[in-house]
Amino acid sequence: MRLLPTCIFLLAASVTIPAICQSSSKSNLVSPSGATSGTTSAQPADASTPAVSTTALRSDIAHQDKVIQNQIEAQQDLLRKNKELMKEAKQLDDKNKKLESKNKKLEAKNRAFKAEKKSMEAQNANLAKKSDAIKAAERPIQTSAN
């Protein structure tokens, strides 16, 4: 994230440094009114270095600044969305933990119910056997009484 501003700074510096070096030291000391002090002679511009337009440079820097600001805003929006998603994920995680504990309790009750069901089935089988034995014992008594 720090690489982009550094690159932009270096690009702007590489454009402005040749423009600053082209002007003489006396021309840098020109008074704001535009009058020069003493005898200053204009130095001819170097033909190999193109003239840099300060307005174009400023507009380019302003455009790059705008692009960077848009990227920063987009990253901040993503950060806000990520924080919201983290909150939602934490809430879902808490709900999931509660449901998991309820599920464990239900599984324990289900195991207990199954164990009770097996014991009831065993009791029913025993009672059915006893009932069959009682019925079998009653039939000969009824037939002998006739």
C-alpha atoms as a PDB file:
ATOM      1  CA  MET A   1       0.000   0.000   0.000  1.00  0.00           C
ATOM      2  CA  ARG A   2       2.976   2.315   0.569  1.00  0.00           C
ATOM      3  CA  LEU A   3       4.538   1.381  -2.776  1.00  0.00           C
ATOM      4  CA  LEU A   4       2.080   3.347  -4.903  1.00  0.00           C
ATOM      5  CA  PRO A   5       2.530   6.726  -3.141  1.00  0.00           C
ATOM      6  CA  THR A   6       6.306   6.230  -3.193  1.00  0.00           C
ATOM      7  CA  CYS A   7       6.271   5.506  -6.916  1.00  0.00           C
ATOM      8  CA  ILE A   8       4.130   8.573  -7.583  1.00  0.00           C
ATOM      9  CA  PHE A   9       6.469  10.730  -5.525  1.00  0.00           C
ATOM     10  CA  LEU A  10       9.499   9.429  -7.402  1.00  0.00           C
ATOM     11  CA  LEU A  11       7.752   9.985 -10.742  1.00  0.00           C
ATOM     12  CA  ALA A  12       6.857  13.551  -9.790  1.00  0.00           C
ATOM     13  CA  ALA A  13      10.392  14.165  -8.503  1.00  0.00           C
ATOM     14  CA  SER A  14      11.953  12.784 -11.682  1.00  0.00           C
ATOM     15  CA  VAL A  15       9.836  15.180 -13.718  1.00  0.00           C
ATOM     16  CA  THR A  16      10.373  18.267 -11.563  1.00  0.00           C
ATOM     17  CA  ILE A  17      14.083  17.896 -10.785  1.00  0.00           C
ATOM     18  CA  PRO A  18      15.212  18.410 -14.429  1.00  0.00           C
ATOM     19  CA  ALA A  19      12.937  21.462 -14.641  1.00  0.00           C
ATOM     20  CA  ILE A  20      14.476  22.909 -11.502  1.00  0.00           C
ATOM     21  CA  CYS A  21      18.007  22.137 -12.693  1.00  0.00           C
ATOM     22  CA  GLN A  22      17.393  23.916 -15.995  1.00  0.00           C
ATOM     23  CA  SER A  23      16.876  27.251 -14.325  1.00  0.00           C
ATOM     24  CA  SER A  24      19.877  29.126 -13.008  1.00  0.00           C
ATOM     25  CA  SER A  25      20.471  29.787  -9.340  1.00  0.00           C
ATOM     26  CA  LYS A  26      19.789  33.493  -9.854  1.00  0.00           C
ATOM     27  CA  SER A  27      16.483  32.819 -11.584  1.00  0.00           C
ATOM     28  CA  ASN A  28      15.392  30.823  -8.538  1.00  0.00           C
ATOM     29  CA  LEU A  29      15.913  33.931  -6.457  1.00  0.00           C
ATOM     30  CA  VAL A  30      13.591  36.126  -8.528  1.00  0.00           C
ATOM     31  CA  SER A  31      11.422  38.373  -6.408  1.00  0.00           C
ATOM     32  CA  PRO A  32       7.679  37.697  -6.486  1.00  0.00           C
ATOM     33  CA  SER A  33       7.099  40.928  -8.431  1.00  0.00           C
ATOM     34  CA  GLY A  34       8.983  39.459 -11.355  1.00  0.00           C
ATOM     35  CA  ALA A  35      11.856  41.992 -11.280  1.00  0.00           C
ATOM     36  CA  THR A  36      15.352  40.607 -11.315  1.00  0.00           C
ATOM     37  CA  SER A  37      18.108  41.985  -9.163  1.00  0.00           C
ATOM     38  CA  GLY A  38      21.424  43.054 -10.634  1.00  0.00           C
ATOM     39  CA  THR A  39      22.508  42.018 -14.085  1.00  0.00           C
ATOM     40  CA  THR A  40      20.978  38.681 -14.892  1.00  0.00           C
ATOM     41  CA  SER A  41      21.413  37.131 -18.242  1.00  0.00           C
ATOM     42  CA  ALA A  42      18.967  34.540 -19.463  1.00  0.00           C
ATOM     43  CA  GLN A  43      20.623  31.221 -20.006  1.00  0.00           C
ATOM     44  CA  PRO A  44      19.620  29.362 -23.133  1.00  0.00           C
ATOM     45  CA  ALA A  45      17.524  26.284 -22.527  1.00  0.00           C
ATOM     46  CA  ASP A  46      19.220  22.975 -23.131  1.00  0.00           C
ATOM     47  CA  ALA A  47      17.930  21.578 -26.422  1.00  0.00           C
ATOM     48  CA  SER A  48      18.158  17.964 -25.255  1.00  0.00           C
ATOM     49  CA  THR A  49      15.812  18.486 -22.269  1.00  0.00           C
ATOM     50  CA  PRO A  50      12.179  19.192 -23.140  1.00  0.00           C
ATOM     51  CA  ALA A  51      10.452  22.083 -21.413  1.00  0.00           C
ATOM     52  CA  VAL A  52       8.141  20.993 -18.614  1.00  0.00           C
ATOM     53  CA  SER A  53       4.787  22.651 -18.265  1.00  0.00           C
ATOM     54  CA  THR A  54       4.017  23.274 -14.606  1.00  0.00           C
ATOM     55  CA  THR A  55       0.274  23.294 -15.250  1.00  0.00           C
ATOM     56  CA  ALA A  56       0.490  19.927 -16.982  1.00  0.00           C
ATOM     57  CA  LEU A  57       2.599  18.610 -14.125  1.00  0.00           C
ATOM     58  CA  ARG A  58       0.144  19.923 -11.551  1.00  0.00           C
ATOM     59  CA  SER A  59      -2.830  18.492 -13.408  1.00  0.00           C
ATOM     60  CA  ASP A  60      -1.043  15.151 -13.708  1.00  0.00           C
ATOM     61  CA  ILE A  61      -0.238  15.153  -9.996  1.00  0.00           C
ATOM     62  CA  ALA A  62      -3.830  16.166  -9.209  1.00  0.00           C
ATOM     63  CA  HIS A  63      -5.106  13.320 -11.381  1.00  0.00           C
ATOM     64  CA  GLN A  64      -2.761  10.839  -9.709  1.00  0.00           C
ATOM     65  CA  ASP A  65      -3.823  12.170  -6.318  1.00  0.00           C
ATOM     66  CA  LYS A  66      -7.458  11.676  -7.262  1.00  0.00           C
ATOM     67  CA  VAL A  67      -6.750   8.109  -8.398  1.00  0.00           C
ATOM     68  CA  ILE A  68      -4.911   7.378  -5.147  1.00  0.00           C
ATOM     69  CA  GLN A  69      -7.727   8.915  -3.082  1.00  0.00           C
ATOM     70  CA  ASN A  70     -10.236   6.738  -4.930  1.00  0.00           C
ATOM     71  CA  GLN A  71      -8.114   3.674  -4.223  1.00  0.00           C
ATOM     72  CA  ILE A  72      -7.836   4.626  -0.561  1.00  0.00           C
ATOM     73  CA  GLU A  73     -11.600   5.113  -0.332  1.00  0.00           C
ATOM     74  CA  ALA A  74     -12.183   1.761  -2.033  1.00  0.00           C
ATOM     75  CA  GLN A  75      -9.812   0.054   0.408  1.00  0.00           C
ATOM     76  CA  GLN A  76     -11.498   1.772   3.353  1.00  0.00           C
ATOM     77  CA  ASP A  77     -14.888   0.600   2.061  1.00  0.00           C
ATOM     78  CA  LEU A  78     -13.511  -2.925   1.790  1.00  0.00           C
ATOM     79  CA  LEU A  79     -12.145  -2.655   5.314  1.00  0.00           C
ATOM     80  CA  ARG A  80     -15.558  -1.533   6.623  1.00  0.00           C
ATOM     81  CA  LYS A  81     -17.287  -4.373   4.786  1.00  0.00           C
ATOM     82  CA  ASN A  82     -14.736  -6.851   6.129  1.00  0.00           C
ATOM     83  CA  LYS A  83     -15.350  -5.600   9.672  1.00  0.00           C
ATOM     84  CA  GLU A  84     -19.101  -6.002   9.186  1.00  0.00           C
ATOM     85  CA  LEU A  85     -18.583  -9.480   7.789  1.00  0.00           C
ATOM     86  CA  MET A  86     -16.356 -10.349  10.732  1.00  0.00           C
ATOM     87  CA  LYS A  87     -19.084  -9.222  13.139  1.00  0.00           C
ATOM     88  CA  GLU A  88     -21.655 -11.313  11.271  1.00  0.00           C
ATOM     89  CA  ALA A  89     -19.288 -14.273  11.225  1.00  0.00           C
ATOM     90  CA  LYS A  90     -18.726 -13.929  14.969  1.00  0.00           C
ATOM     91  CA  GLN A  91     -22.481 -13.829  15.567  1.00  0.00           C
ATOM     92  CA  LEU A  92     -22.951 -16.881  13.364  1.00  0.00           C
ATOM     93  CA  ASP A  93     -20.127 -18.628  15.175  1.00  0.00           C
ATOM     94  CA  ASP A  94     -21.767 -17.893  18.538  1.00  0.00           C
ATOM     95  CA  LYS A  95     -25.111 -19.191  17.244  1.00  0.00           C
ATOM     96  CA  ASN A  96     -23.356 -22.250  15.845  1.00  0.00           C
ATOM     97  CA  LYS A  97     -21.731 -22.960  19.216  1.00  0.00           C
ATOM     98  CA  LYS A  98     -25.115 -22.674  20.949  1.00  0.00           C
ATOM     99  CA  LEU A  99     -26.721 -24.973  18.396  1.00  0.00           C
ATOM    100  CA  GLU A 100     -23.834 -27.405  18.741  1.00  0.00           C
ATOM    101  CA  SER A 101     -24.297 -27.576  22.506  1.00  0.00           C
ATOM    102  CA  LYS A 102     -28.068 -28.066  22.032  1.00  0.00           C
ATOM    103  CA  ASN A 103     -27.328 -30.751  19.463  1.00  0.00           C
ATOM    104  CA  LYS A 104     -25.034 -32.559  21.922  1.00  0.00           C
ATOM    105  CA  LYS A 105     -27.759 -32.419  24.571  1.00  0.00           C
ATOM    106  CA  LEU A 106     -30.305 -33.768  22.104  1.00  0.00           C
ATOM    107  CA  GLU A 107     -27.926 -36.535  21.054  1.00  0.00           C
ATOM    108  CA  ALA A 108     -27.459 -37.488  24.714  1.00  0.00           C
ATOM    109  CA  LYS A 109     -31.251 -37.531  25.199  1.00  0.00           C
ATOM    110  CA  ASN A 110     -31.607 -39.548  22.003  1.00  0.00           C
ATOM    111  CA  ARG A 111     -29.093 -42.130  23.252  1.00  0.00           C
ATOM    112  CA  ALA A 112     -30.908 -42.295  26.574  1.00  0.00           C
ATOM    113  CA  PHE A 113     -34.227 -42.661  24.751  1.00  0.00           C
ATOM    114  CA  LYS A 114     -32.835 -45.456  22.585  1.00  0.00           C
ATOM    115  CA  ALA A 115     -31.504 -47.244  25.661  1.00  0.00           C
ATOM    116  CA  GLU A 116     -34.885 -46.840  27.353  1.00  0.00           C
ATOM    117  CA  LYS A 117     -36.624 -48.061  24.189  1.00  0.00           C
ATOM    118  CA  LYS A 118     -34.427 -51.172  24.128  1.00  0.00           C
ATOM    119  CA  SER A 119     -35.173 -51.888  27.777  1.00  0.00           C
ATOM    120  CA  MET A 120     -38.912 -51.372  27.120  1.00  0.00           C
ATOM    121  CA  GLU A 121     -38.722 -53.713  24.129  1.00  0.00           C
ATOM    122  CA  ALA A 122     -36.969 -56.267  26.316  1.00  0.00           C
ATOM    123  CA  GLN A 123     -39.679 -55.832  28.984  1.00  0.00           C
ATOM    124  CA  ASN A 124     -42.369 -56.150  26.316  1.00  0.00           C
ATOM    125  CA  ALA A 125     -40.750 -59.339  25.044  1.00  0.00           C
ATOM    126  CA  ASN A 126     -40.614 -60.707  28.606  1.00  0.00           C
ATOM    127  CA  LEU A 127     -44.238 -59.713  29.213  1.00  0.00           C
ATOM    128  CA  ALA A 128     -45.271 -61.284  25.904  1.00  0.00           C
ATOM    129  CA  LYS A 129     -43.518 -64.500  26.917  1.00  0.00           C
ATOM    130  CA  LYS A 130     -45.210 -64.429  30.330  1.00  0.00           C
ATOM    131  CA  SER A 131     -48.554 -63.688  28.701  1.00  0.00           C
ATOM    132  CA  ASP A 132     -48.079 -66.577  26.284  1.00  0.00           C
ATOM    133  CA  ALA A 133     -47.087 -68.817  29.198  1.00  0.00           C
ATOM    134  CA  ILE A 134     -50.173 -67.742  31.183  1.00  0.00           C
ATOM    135  CA  LYS A 135     -52.435 -68.311  28.161  1.00  0.00           C
ATOM    136  CA  ALA A 136     -50.846 -71.675  27.589  1.00  0.00           C
ATOM    137  CA  ALA A 137     -51.357 -72.555  31.235  1.00  0.00           C
ATOM    138  CA  GLU A 138     -55.006 -71.445  31.160  1.00  0.00           C
ATOM    139  CA  ARG A 139     -55.982 -73.492  28.101  1.00  0.00           C
ATOM    140  CA  PRO A 140     -55.449 -76.919  29.612  1.00  0.00           C
ATOM    141  CA  ILE A 141     -57.397 -75.882  32.678  1.00  0.00           C
ATOM    142  CA  GLN A 142     -60.312 -74.801  30.537  1.00  0.00           C
ATOM    143  CA  THR A 143     -60.275 -77.967  28.492  1.00  0.00           C
ATOM    144  CA  SER A 144     -60.086 -80.188  31.546  1.00  0.00           C
ATOM    145  CA  ALA A 145     -63.000 -78.358  33.117  1.00  0.00           C
ATOM    146  CA  ASN A 146     -65.257 -79.164  30.178  1.00  0.00           C
END
